[in-house]
PDB file of N, CA and C in Angstrom:
ATOM      1  N   UNK A   1     -38.821  78.499  36.407  1.00  0.00           N
ATOM      2  CA  UNK A   1     -39.149  77.416  35.499  1.00  0.00           C
ATOM      3  C   UNK A   1     -40.400  76.691  35.975  1.00  0.00           C
ATOM      4  N   UNK A   2     -41.186  76.295  35.032  1.00  0.00           N
ATOM      5  CA  UNK A   2     -42.435  75.596  35.334  1.00  0.00           C
ATOM      6  C   UNK A   2     -42.182  74.098  35.467  1.00  0.00           C
ATOM      7  N   UNK A   3     -43.123  73.428  36.089  1.00  0.00           N
ATOM      8  CA  UNK A   3     -43.073  71.979  36.139  1.00  0.00           C
ATOM      9  C   UNK A   3     -43.642  71.452  34.824  1.00  0.00           C
ATOM     10  N   UNK A   4     -42.943  70.513  34.225  1.00  0.00           N
ATOM     11  CA  UNK A   4     -43.372  69.958  32.940  1.00  0.00           C
ATOM     12  C   UNK A   4     -44.522  68.978  33.181  1.00  0.00           C
ATOM     13  N   UNK A   5     -45.651  69.156  32.486  1.00  0.00           N
ATOM     14  CA  UNK A   5     -46.744  68.186  32.625  1.00  0.00           C
ATOM     15  C   UNK A   5     -46.265  66.784  32.244  1.00  0.00           C
ATOM     16  N   UNK A   6     -46.726  65.788  32.975  1.00  0.00           N
ATOM     17  CA  UNK A   6     -46.306  64.402  32.753  1.00  0.00           C
ATOM     18  C   UNK A   6     -46.551  63.987  31.306  1.00  0.00           C
ATOM     19  N   UNK A   7     -47.692  64.366  30.740  1.00  0.00           N
ATOM     20  CA  UNK A   7     -48.009  64.010  29.349  1.00  0.00           C
ATOM     21  C   UNK A   7     -46.938  64.541  28.396  1.00  0.00           C
ATOM     22  N   UNK A   8     -46.520  65.781  28.595  1.00  0.00           N
ATOM     23  CA  UNK A   8     -45.523  66.399  27.715  1.00  0.00           C
ATOM     24  C   UNK A   8     -44.167  65.737  27.907  1.00  0.00           C
ATOM     25  N   UNK A   9     -43.796  65.470  29.151  1.00  0.00           N
ATOM     26  CA  UNK A   9     -42.523  64.797  29.410  1.00  0.00           C
ATOM     27  C   UNK A   9     -42.491  63.422  28.755  1.00  0.00           C
ATOM     28  N   UNK A  10     -43.588  62.685  28.824  1.00  0.00           N
ATOM     29  CA  UNK A  10     -43.656  61.363  28.194  1.00  0.00           C
ATOM     30  C   UNK A  10     -43.535  61.464  26.675  1.00  0.00           C
ATOM     31  N   UNK A  11     -44.207  62.442  26.080  1.00  0.00           N
ATOM     32  CA  UNK A  11     -44.110  62.654  24.633  1.00  0.00           C
ATOM     33  C   UNK A  11     -42.663  62.944  24.250  1.00  0.00           C
ATOM     34  N   UNK A  12     -42.004  63.807  25.013  1.00  0.00           N
ATOM     35  CA  UNK A  12     -40.624  64.180  24.684  1.00  0.00           C
ATOM     36  C   UNK A  12     -39.662  63.015  24.867  1.00  0.00           C
ATOM     37  N   UNK A  13     -39.863  62.213  25.887  1.00  0.00           N
ATOM     38  CA  UNK A  13     -38.995  61.034  26.074  1.00  0.00           C
ATOM     39  C   UNK A  13     -39.140  60.067  24.893  1.00  0.00           C
ATOM     40  N   UNK A  14     -40.370  59.849  24.439  1.00  0.00           N
ATOM     41  CA  UNK A  14     -40.590  58.983  23.269  1.00  0.00           C
ATOM     42  C   UNK A  14     -39.958  59.594  22.024  1.00  0.00           C
ATOM     43  N   UNK A  15     -40.108  60.900  21.882  1.00  0.00           N
ATOM     44  CA  UNK A  15     -39.536  61.584  20.721  1.00  0.00           C
ATOM     45  C   UNK A  15     -38.014  61.468  20.721  1.00  0.00           C
ATOM     46  N   UNK A  16     -37.398  61.738  21.852  1.00  0.00           N
ATOM     47  CA  UNK A  16     -35.938  61.640  21.944  1.00  0.00           C
ATOM     48  C   UNK A  16     -35.490  60.216  21.629  1.00  0.00           C
ATOM     49  N   UNK A  17     -36.203  59.226  22.122  1.00  0.00           N
ATOM     50  CA  UNK A  17     -35.859  57.828  21.830  1.00  0.00           C
ATOM     51  C   UNK A  17     -35.920  57.555  20.332  1.00  0.00           C
ATOM     52  N   UNK A  18     -36.913  58.109  19.647  1.00  0.00           N
ATOM     53  CA  UNK A  18     -37.015  57.939  18.185  1.00  0.00           C
ATOM     54  C   UNK A  18     -35.818  58.576  17.485  1.00  0.00           C
ATOM     55  N   UNK A  19     -35.491  59.791  17.880  1.00  0.00           N
ATOM     56  CA  UNK A  19     -34.366  60.496  17.256  1.00  0.00           C
ATOM     57  C   UNK A  19     -33.069  59.727  17.502  1.00  0.00           C
ATOM     58  N   UNK A  20     -32.909  59.187  18.709  1.00  0.00           N
ATOM     59  CA  UNK A  20     -31.679  58.467  19.063  1.00  0.00           C
ATOM     60  C   UNK A  20     -31.488  57.182  18.260  1.00  0.00           C
ATOM     61  N   UNK A  21     -32.526  56.707  17.606  1.00  0.00           N
ATOM     62  CA  UNK A  21     -32.364  55.536  16.745  1.00  0.00           C
ATOM     63  C   UNK A  21     -31.500  55.868  15.530  1.00  0.00           C
ATOM     64  N   UNK A  22     -31.419  57.158  15.184  1.00  0.00           N
ATOM     65  CA  UNK A  22     -30.660  57.579  13.997  1.00  0.00           C
ATOM     66  C   UNK A  22     -29.522  58.550  14.296  1.00  0.00           C
ATOM     67  N   UNK A  23     -29.631  59.279  15.409  1.00  0.00           N
ATOM     68  CA  UNK A  23     -28.637  60.308  15.735  1.00  0.00           C
ATOM     69  C   UNK A  23     -28.316  60.244  17.221  1.00  0.00           C
ATOM     70  N   UNK A  24     -27.073  60.556  17.546  1.00  0.00           N
ATOM     71  CA  UNK A  24     -26.716  60.714  18.954  1.00  0.00           C
ATOM     72  C   UNK A  24     -27.347  62.013  19.460  1.00  0.00           C
ATOM     73  N   UNK A  25     -27.937  61.972  20.636  1.00  0.00           N
ATOM     74  CA  UNK A  25     -28.506  63.173  21.248  1.00  0.00           C
ATOM     75  C   UNK A  25     -27.736  63.426  22.536  1.00  0.00           C
ATOM     76  N   UNK A  26     -26.957  64.511  22.555  1.00  0.00           N
ATOM     77  CA  UNK A  26     -26.177  64.797  23.754  1.00  0.00           C
ATOM     78  C   UNK A  26     -26.990  65.540  24.802  1.00  0.00           C
ATOM     79  N   UNK A  27     -27.885  66.419  24.357  1.00  0.00           N
ATOM     80  CA  UNK A  27     -28.759  67.151  25.277  1.00  0.00           C
ATOM     81  C   UNK A  27     -30.053  67.505  24.561  1.00  0.00           C
ATOM     82  N   UNK A  28     -31.093  67.706  25.368  1.00  0.00           N
ATOM     83  CA  UNK A  28     -32.382  68.157  24.846  1.00  0.00           C
ATOM     84  C   UNK A  28     -33.005  69.090  25.875  1.00  0.00           C
ATOM     85  N   UNK A  29     -33.611  70.167  25.378  1.00  0.00           N
ATOM     86  CA  UNK A  29     -34.236  71.153  26.259  1.00  0.00           C
ATOM     87  C   UNK A  29     -35.641  71.475  25.773  1.00  0.00           C
ATOM     88  N   UNK A  30     -36.575  71.468  26.697  1.00  0.00           N
ATOM     89  CA  UNK A  30     -37.901  72.006  26.448  1.00  0.00           C
ATOM     90  C   UNK A  30     -37.807  73.507  26.686  1.00  0.00           C
ATOM     91  N   UNK A  31     -38.332  74.296  25.764  1.00  0.00           N
ATOM     92  CA  UNK A  31     -38.330  75.744  25.958  1.00  0.00           C
ATOM     93  C   UNK A  31     -39.656  76.302  25.455  1.00  0.00           C
ATOM     94  N   UNK A  32     -39.826  77.590  25.561  1.00  0.00           N
ATOM     95  CA  UNK A  32     -41.070  78.202  25.112  1.00  0.00           C
ATOM     96  C   UNK A  32     -42.144  78.134  26.180  1.00  0.00           C
ATOM     97  N   UNK A  33     -43.399  78.115  25.736  1.00  0.00           N
ATOM     98  CA  UNK A  33     -44.527  78.255  26.664  1.00  0.00           C
ATOM     99  C   UNK A  33     -44.623  77.123  27.688  1.00  0.00           C
ATOM    100  N   UNK A  34     -44.297  75.894  27.306  1.00  0.00           N
ATOM    101  CA  UNK A  34     -44.364  74.805  28.288  1.00  0.00           C
ATOM    102  C   UNK A  34     -43.298  74.964  29.363  1.00  0.00           C
ATOM    103  N   UNK A  35     -42.126  75.427  29.000  1.00  0.00           N
ATOM    104  CA  UNK A  35     -41.068  75.635  29.987  1.00  0.00           C
ATOM    105  C   UNK A  35     -41.375  76.826  30.891  1.00  0.00           C
ATOM    106  N   UNK A  36     -42.114  77.787  30.365  1.00  0.00           N
ATOM    107  CA  UNK A  36     -42.439  78.991  31.141  1.00  0.00           C
ATOM    108  C   UNK A  36     -43.734  78.846  31.938  1.00  0.00           C
ATOM    109  N   UNK A  37     -44.459  77.762  31.708  1.00  0.00           N
ATOM    110  CA  UNK A  37     -45.708  77.550  32.427  1.00  0.00           C
ATOM    111  C   UNK A  37     -46.876  78.336  31.877  1.00  0.00           C
ATOM    112  N   UNK A  38     -46.764  78.773  30.635  1.00  0.00           N
ATOM    113  CA  UNK A  38     -47.834  79.581  30.041  1.00  0.00           C
ATOM    114  C   UNK A  38     -48.490  78.900  28.843  1.00  0.00           C
ATOM    115  N   UNK A  39     -48.317  77.589  28.728  1.00  0.00           N
ATOM    116  CA  UNK A  39     -48.869  76.856  27.584  1.00  0.00           C
ATOM    117  C   UNK A  39     -50.390  76.868  27.623  1.00  0.00           C
ATOM    118  N   UNK A  40     -50.963  76.998  26.452  1.00  0.00           N
ATOM    119  CA  UNK A  40     -52.410  76.958  26.300  1.00  0.00           C
ATOM    120  C   UNK A  40     -52.823  75.769  25.462  1.00  0.00           C
ATOM    121  N   UNK A  41     -54.076  75.738  25.127  1.00  0.00           N
ATOM    122  CA  UNK A  41     -54.648  74.622  24.374  1.00  0.00           C
ATOM    123  C   UNK A  41     -53.937  74.378  23.044  1.00  0.00           C
ATOM    124  N   UNK A  42     -53.532  75.434  22.366  1.00  0.00           N
ATOM    125  CA  UNK A  42     -52.945  75.308  21.027  1.00  0.00           C
ATOM    126  C   UNK A  42     -51.427  75.458  21.020  1.00  0.00           C
ATOM    127  N   UNK A  43     -50.806  75.406  22.174  1.00  0.00           N
ATOM    128  CA  UNK A  43     -49.351  75.597  22.251  1.00  0.00           C
ATOM    129  C   UNK A  43     -48.603  74.440  21.603  1.00  0.00           C
ATOM    130  N   UNK A  44     -47.511  74.796  20.932  1.00  0.00           N
ATOM    131  CA  UNK A  44     -46.642  73.747  20.419  1.00  0.00           C
ATOM    132  C   UNK A  44     -45.657  73.364  21.517  1.00  0.00           C
ATOM    133  N   UNK A  45     -44.919  72.294  21.262  1.00  0.00           N
ATOM    134  CA  UNK A  45     -43.947  71.779  22.221  1.00  0.00           C
ATOM    135  C   UNK A  45     -42.566  72.055  21.635  1.00  0.00           C
ATOM    136  N   UNK A  46     -41.949  73.130  22.088  1.00  0.00           N
ATOM    137  CA  UNK A  46     -40.642  73.531  21.559  1.00  0.00           C
ATOM    138  C   UNK A  46     -39.548  72.711  22.223  1.00  0.00           C
ATOM    139  N   UNK A  47     -38.721  72.069  21.407  1.00  0.00           N
ATOM    140  CA  UNK A  47     -37.623  71.276  21.941  1.00  0.00           C
ATOM    141  C   UNK A  47     -36.359  71.544  21.134  1.00  0.00           C
ATOM    142  N   UNK A  48     -35.284  71.803  21.854  1.00  0.00           N
ATOM    143  CA  UNK A  48     -33.969  71.951  21.233  1.00  0.00           C
ATOM    144  C   UNK A  48     -33.248  70.618  21.368  1.00  0.00           C
ATOM    145  N   UNK A  49     -32.721  70.132  20.252  1.00  0.00           N
ATOM    146  CA  UNK A  49     -31.973  68.881  20.230  1.00  0.00           C
ATOM    147  C   UNK A  49     -30.528  69.214  19.876  1.00  0.00           C
ATOM    148  N   UNK A  50     -29.594  68.828  20.736  1.00  0.00           N
ATOM    149  CA  UNK A  50     -28.177  69.070  20.488  1.00  0.00           C
ATOM    150  C   UNK A  50     -27.537  67.730  20.154  1.00  0.00           C
ATOM    151  N   UNK A  51     -26.905  67.672  18.978  1.00  0.00           N
ATOM    152  CA  UNK A  51     -26.301  66.422  18.528  1.00  0.00           C
ATOM    153  C   UNK A  51     -25.009  66.676  17.768  1.00  0.00           C
ATOM    154  N   UNK A  52     -23.947  65.943  18.116  1.00  0.00           N
ATOM    155  CA  UNK A  52     -22.718  66.039  17.337  1.00  0.00           C
ATOM    156  C   UNK A  52     -22.854  65.381  15.964  1.00  0.00           C
ATOM    157  N   UNK A  53     -23.921  64.620  15.766  1.00  0.00           N
ATOM    158  CA  UNK A  53     -24.148  63.948  14.485  1.00  0.00           C
ATOM    159  C   UNK A  53     -24.807  64.849  13.449  1.00  0.00           C
ATOM    160  N   UNK A  54     -25.293  66.017  13.858  1.00  0.00           N
ATOM    161  CA  UNK A  54     -25.921  66.915  12.900  1.00  0.00           C
ATOM    162  C   UNK A  54     -24.876  67.480  11.950  1.00  0.00           C
ATOM    163  N   UNK A  55     -25.250  67.557  10.688  1.00  0.00           N
ATOM    164  CA  UNK A  55     -24.366  68.121   9.669  1.00  0.00           C
ATOM    165  C   UNK A  55     -24.414  69.643   9.740  1.00  0.00           C
ATOM    166  N   UNK A  56     -23.626  70.278   8.890  1.00  0.00           N
ATOM    167  CA  UNK A  56     -23.648  71.741   8.809  1.00  0.00           C
ATOM    168  C   UNK A  56     -24.958  72.237   8.201  1.00  0.00           C
ATOM    169  N   UNK A  57     -25.672  71.357   7.508  1.00  0.00           N
ATOM    170  CA  UNK A  57     -26.945  71.739   6.892  1.00  0.00           C
ATOM    171  C   UNK A  57     -28.075  71.516   7.895  1.00  0.00           C
ATOM    172  N   UNK A  58     -28.287  72.498   8.753  1.00  0.00           N
ATOM    173  CA  UNK A  58     -29.293  72.352   9.802  1.00  0.00           C
ATOM    174  C   UNK A  58     -30.714  72.362   9.257  1.00  0.00           C
ATOM    175  N   UNK A  59     -30.899  72.865   8.039  1.00  0.00           N
ATOM    176  CA  UNK A  59     -32.228  72.787   7.419  1.00  0.00           C
ATOM    177  C   UNK A  59     -32.606  71.322   7.211  1.00  0.00           C
ATOM    178  N   UNK A  60     -31.682  70.537   6.642  1.00  0.00           N
ATOM    179  CA  UNK A  60     -31.952  69.111   6.440  1.00  0.00           C
ATOM    180  C   UNK A  60     -32.162  68.394   7.770  1.00  0.00           C
ATOM    181  N   UNK A  61     -31.396  68.782   8.774  1.00  0.00           N
ATOM    182  CA  UNK A  61     -31.551  68.163  10.092  1.00  0.00           C
ATOM    183  C   UNK A  61     -32.916  68.504  10.689  1.00  0.00           C
ATOM    184  N   UNK A  62     -33.375  69.730  10.474  1.00  0.00           N
ATOM    185  CA  UNK A  62     -34.702  70.126  10.965  1.00  0.00           C
ATOM    186  C   UNK A  62     -35.793  69.324  10.249  1.00  0.00           C
ATOM    187  N   UNK A  63     -35.622  69.094   8.950  1.00  0.00           N
ATOM    188  CA  UNK A  63     -36.588  68.274   8.204  1.00  0.00           C
ATOM    189  C   UNK A  63     -36.638  66.866   8.802  1.00  0.00           C
ATOM    190  N   UNK A  64     -35.471  66.288   9.064  1.00  0.00           N
ATOM    191  CA  UNK A  64     -35.416  64.966   9.700  1.00  0.00           C
ATOM    192  C   UNK A  64     -36.162  64.979  11.036  1.00  0.00           C
ATOM    193  N   UNK A  65     -35.872  65.983  11.871  1.00  0.00           N
ATOM    194  CA  UNK A  65     -36.511  66.072  13.184  1.00  0.00           C
ATOM    195  C   UNK A  65     -38.019  66.278  13.070  1.00  0.00           C
ATOM    196  N   UNK A  66     -38.444  67.074  12.095  1.00  0.00           N
ATOM    197  CA  UNK A  66     -39.881  67.310  11.897  1.00  0.00           C
ATOM    198  C   UNK A  66     -40.595  66.025  11.462  1.00  0.00           C
ATOM    199  N   UNK A  67     -39.969  65.261  10.586  1.00  0.00           N
ATOM    200  CA  UNK A  67     -40.579  63.995  10.154  1.00  0.00           C
ATOM    201  C   UNK A  67     -40.770  63.056  11.336  1.00  0.00           C
ATOM    202  N   UNK A  68     -39.753  62.983  12.199  1.00  0.00           N
ATOM    203  CA  UNK A  68     -39.870  62.145  13.394  1.00  0.00           C
ATOM    204  C   UNK A  68     -40.960  62.680  14.320  1.00  0.00           C
ATOM    205  N   UNK A  69     -41.050  63.998  14.428  1.00  0.00           N
ATOM    206  CA  UNK A  69     -42.065  64.617  15.286  1.00  0.00           C
ATOM    207  C   UNK A  69     -43.468  64.295  14.786  1.00  0.00           C
ATOM    208  N   UNK A  70     -43.674  64.393  13.487  1.00  0.00           N
ATOM    209  CA  UNK A  70     -45.006  64.152  12.923  1.00  0.00           C
ATOM    210  C   UNK A  70     -45.462  62.711  13.099  1.00  0.00           C
ATOM    211  N   UNK A  71     -44.523  61.804  13.252  1.00  0.00           N
ATOM    212  CA  UNK A  71     -44.877  60.403  13.495  1.00  0.00           C
ATOM    213  C   UNK A  71     -45.384  60.187  14.922  1.00  0.00           C
ATOM    214  N   UNK A  72     -45.126  61.164  15.786  1.00  0.00           N
ATOM    215  CA  UNK A  72     -45.468  61.007  17.199  1.00  0.00           C
ATOM    216  C   UNK A  72     -46.524  62.003  17.675  1.00  0.00           C
ATOM    217  N   UNK A  73     -46.268  63.293  17.452  1.00  0.00           N
ATOM    218  CA  UNK A  73     -47.187  64.332  17.931  1.00  0.00           C
ATOM    219  C   UNK A  73     -46.923  65.599  17.130  1.00  0.00           C
ATOM    220  N   UNK A  74     -47.950  66.090  16.434  1.00  0.00           N
ATOM    221  CA  UNK A  74     -47.740  67.229  15.539  1.00  0.00           C
ATOM    222  C   UNK A  74     -47.538  68.558  16.267  1.00  0.00           C
ATOM    223  N   UNK A  75     -47.595  68.544  17.580  1.00  0.00           N
ATOM    224  CA  UNK A  75     -47.304  69.772  18.337  1.00  0.00           C
ATOM    225  C   UNK A  75     -45.814  69.981  18.555  1.00  0.00           C
ATOM    226  N   UNK A  76     -45.004  68.948  18.318  1.00  0.00           N
ATOM    227  CA  UNK A  76     -43.563  69.047  18.562  1.00  0.00           C
ATOM    228  C   UNK A  76     -42.922  69.950  17.514  1.00  0.00           C
ATOM    229  N   UNK A  77     -42.198  70.960  17.989  1.00  0.00           N
ATOM    230  CA  UNK A  77     -41.459  71.901  17.135  1.00  0.00           C
ATOM    231  C   UNK A  77     -39.975  71.804  17.479  1.00  0.00           C
ATOM    232  N   UNK A  78     -39.223  70.982  16.753  1.00  0.00           N
ATOM    233  CA  UNK A  78     -37.820  70.788  17.098  1.00  0.00           C
ATOM    234  C   UNK A  78     -36.896  71.846  16.490  1.00  0.00           C
ATOM    235  N   UNK A  79     -35.838  72.125  17.219  1.00  0.00           N
ATOM    236  CA  UNK A  79     -34.769  73.008  16.736  1.00  0.00           C
ATOM    237  C   UNK A  79     -33.450  72.266  16.887  1.00  0.00           C
ATOM    238  N   UNK A  80     -32.761  71.993  15.771  1.00  0.00           N
ATOM    239  CA  UNK A  80     -31.491  71.269  15.851  1.00  0.00           C
ATOM    240  C   UNK A  80     -30.313  72.207  16.124  1.00  0.00           C
ATOM    241  N   UNK A  81     -29.370  71.714  16.906  1.00  0.00           N
ATOM    242  CA  UNK A  81     -28.128  72.443  17.176  1.00  0.00           C
ATOM    243  C   UNK A  81     -26.968  71.461  17.193  1.00  0.00           C
ATOM    244  N   UNK A  82     -25.856  71.868  16.610  1.00  0.00           N
ATOM    245  CA  UNK A  82     -24.606  71.147  16.820  1.00  0.00           C
ATOM    246  C   UNK A  82     -24.011  71.694  18.116  1.00  0.00           C
ATOM    247  N   UNK A  83     -23.261  70.903  18.880  1.00  0.00           N
ATOM    248  CA  UNK A  83     -22.728  71.397  20.159  1.00  0.00           C
ATOM    249  C   UNK A  83     -21.942  72.699  20.019  1.00  0.00           C
ATOM    250  N   UNK A  84     -21.175  72.819  18.959  1.00  0.00           N
ATOM    251  CA  UNK A  84     -20.354  74.027  18.780  1.00  0.00           C
ATOM    252  C   UNK A  84     -21.185  75.259  18.428  1.00  0.00           C
ATOM    253  N   UNK A  85     -22.434  75.057  18.022  1.00  0.00           N
ATOM    254  CA  UNK A  85     -23.316  76.185  17.697  1.00  0.00           C
ATOM    255  C   UNK A  85     -24.233  76.571  18.855  1.00  0.00           C
ATOM    256  N   UNK A  86     -24.240  75.755  19.897  1.00  0.00           N
ATOM    257  CA  UNK A  86     -25.114  76.020  21.041  1.00  0.00           C
ATOM    258  C   UNK A  86     -24.381  76.957  22.002  1.00  0.00           C
ATOM    259  N   UNK A  87     -24.305  78.226  21.602  1.00  0.00           N
ATOM    260  CA  UNK A  87     -23.565  79.233  22.365  1.00  0.00           C
ATOM    261  C   UNK A  87     -24.470  80.412  22.698  1.00  0.00           C
ATOM    262  N   UNK A  88     -24.148  81.096  23.778  1.00  0.00           N
ATOM    263  CA  UNK A  88     -25.000  82.171  24.280  1.00  0.00           C
ATOM    264  C   UNK A  88     -25.065  83.390  23.376  1.00  0.00           C
ATOM    265  N   UNK A  89     -24.203  83.488  22.368  1.00  0.00           N
ATOM    266  CA  UNK A  89     -24.315  84.626  21.449  1.00  0.00           C
ATOM    267  C   UNK A  89     -25.466  84.442  20.452  1.00  0.00           C
ATOM    268  N   UNK A  90     -26.081  83.260  20.447  1.00  0.00           N
ATOM    269  CA  UNK A  90     -27.280  82.999  19.654  1.00  0.00           C
ATOM    270  C   UNK A  90     -28.490  83.362  20.525  1.00  0.00           C
ATOM    271  N   UNK A  91     -29.358  84.278  20.078  1.00  0.00           N
ATOM    272  CA  UNK A  91     -30.501  84.694  20.904  1.00  0.00           C
ATOM    273  C   UNK A  91     -31.421  83.541  21.326  1.00  0.00           C
ATOM    274  N   UNK A  92     -31.628  82.570  20.449  1.00  0.00           N
ATOM    275  CA  UNK A  92     -32.479  81.436  20.813  1.00  0.00           C
ATOM    276  C   UNK A  92     -31.813  80.597  21.904  1.00  0.00           C
ATOM    277  N   UNK A  93     -30.526  80.363  21.773  1.00  0.00           N
ATOM    278  CA  UNK A  93     -29.795  79.609  22.801  1.00  0.00           C
ATOM    279  C   UNK A  93     -29.835  80.362  24.124  1.00  0.00           C
ATOM    280  N   UNK A  94     -29.730  81.679  24.048  1.00  0.00           N
ATOM    281  CA  UNK A  94     -29.807  82.500  25.256  1.00  0.00           C
ATOM    282  C   UNK A  94     -31.154  82.293  25.949  1.00  0.00           C
ATOM    283  N   UNK A  95     -32.241  82.284  25.177  1.00  0.00           N
ATOM    284  CA  UNK A  95     -33.572  82.034  25.750  1.00  0.00           C
ATOM    285  C   UNK A  95     -33.659  80.638  26.349  1.00  0.00           C
ATOM    286  N   UNK A  96     -33.165  79.648  25.614  1.00  0.00           N
ATOM    287  CA  UNK A  96     -33.204  78.265  26.087  1.00  0.00           C
ATOM    288  C   UNK A  96     -32.414  78.127  27.384  1.00  0.00           C
ATOM    289  N   UNK A  97     -31.250  78.770  27.446  1.00  0.00           N
ATOM    290  CA  UNK A  97     -30.409  78.695  28.643  1.00  0.00           C
ATOM    291  C   UNK A  97     -31.058  79.361  29.849  1.00  0.00           C
ATOM    292  N   UNK A  98     -31.809  80.425  29.602  1.00  0.00           N
ATOM    293  CA  UNK A  98     -32.396  81.151  30.730  1.00  0.00           C
ATOM    294  C   UNK A  98     -33.724  80.564  31.201  1.00  0.00           C
ATOM    295  N   UNK A  99     -34.519  79.990  30.292  1.00  0.00           N
ATOM    296  CA  UNK A  99     -35.842  79.517  30.717  1.00  0.00           C
ATOM    297  C   UNK A  99     -36.148  78.077  30.315  1.00  0.00           C
ATOM    298  N   UNK A 100     -35.214  77.419  29.634  1.00  0.00           N
ATOM    299  CA  UNK A 100     -35.459  76.048  29.197  1.00  0.00           C
ATOM    300  C   UNK A 100     -35.303  75.035  30.316  1.00  0.00           C
ATOM    301  N   UNK A 101     -35.849  73.866  30.092  1.00  0.00           N
ATOM    302  CA  UNK A 101     -35.777  72.760  31.047  1.00  0.00           C
ATOM    303  C   UNK A 101     -35.105  71.588  30.348  1.00  0.00           C
ATOM    304  N   UNK A 102     -33.991  71.120  30.913  1.00  0.00           N
ATOM    305  CA  UNK A 102     -33.299  69.989  30.306  1.00  0.00           C
ATOM    306  C   UNK A 102     -34.141  68.724  30.470  1.00  0.00           C
ATOM    307  N   UNK A 103     -34.258  67.988  29.379  1.00  0.00           N
ATOM    308  CA  UNK A 103     -34.993  66.725  29.359  1.00  0.00           C
ATOM    309  C   UNK A 103     -33.969  65.602  29.270  1.00  0.00           C
ATOM    310  N   UNK A 104     -34.113  64.612  30.101  1.00  0.00           N
ATOM    311  CA  UNK A 104     -33.167  63.504  30.114  1.00  0.00           C
ATOM    312  C   UNK A 104     -33.119  62.821  28.749  1.00  0.00           C
ATOM    313  N   UNK A 105     -31.916  62.492  28.314  1.00  0.00           N
ATOM    314  CA  UNK A 105     -31.748  61.794  27.037  1.00  0.00           C
ATOM    315  C   UNK A 105     -31.421  60.319  27.252  1.00  0.00           C
ATOM    316  N   UNK A 106     -31.508  59.854  28.484  1.00  0.00           N
ATOM    317  CA  UNK A 106     -31.219  58.442  28.795  1.00  0.00           C
ATOM    318  C   UNK A 106     -32.375  57.546  28.435  1.00  0.00           C
TER     319      UNK A 106
END
């Protein structure tokens, strides 16, 4: 796992705080190029948000998360998960579990 750049960690902490104004966030993970240490100039900031408050309609939840992201930094690419759906039989969850970095939600 790579060390998260301070700028990215600060952006994610602000983003999580914004999301927490409307939804409980039980866990958050940075994944993708920033977590692997291969981020470039045009890399997005992939973040998985796990919340028991998310409905079964994860498309609507993703729209909510994207709107919050655009208010802060357009590089943020959120992926919503309900806790019961965050299981290793999902290929994306498998990637997040193997190379993701947990971001504090406090």
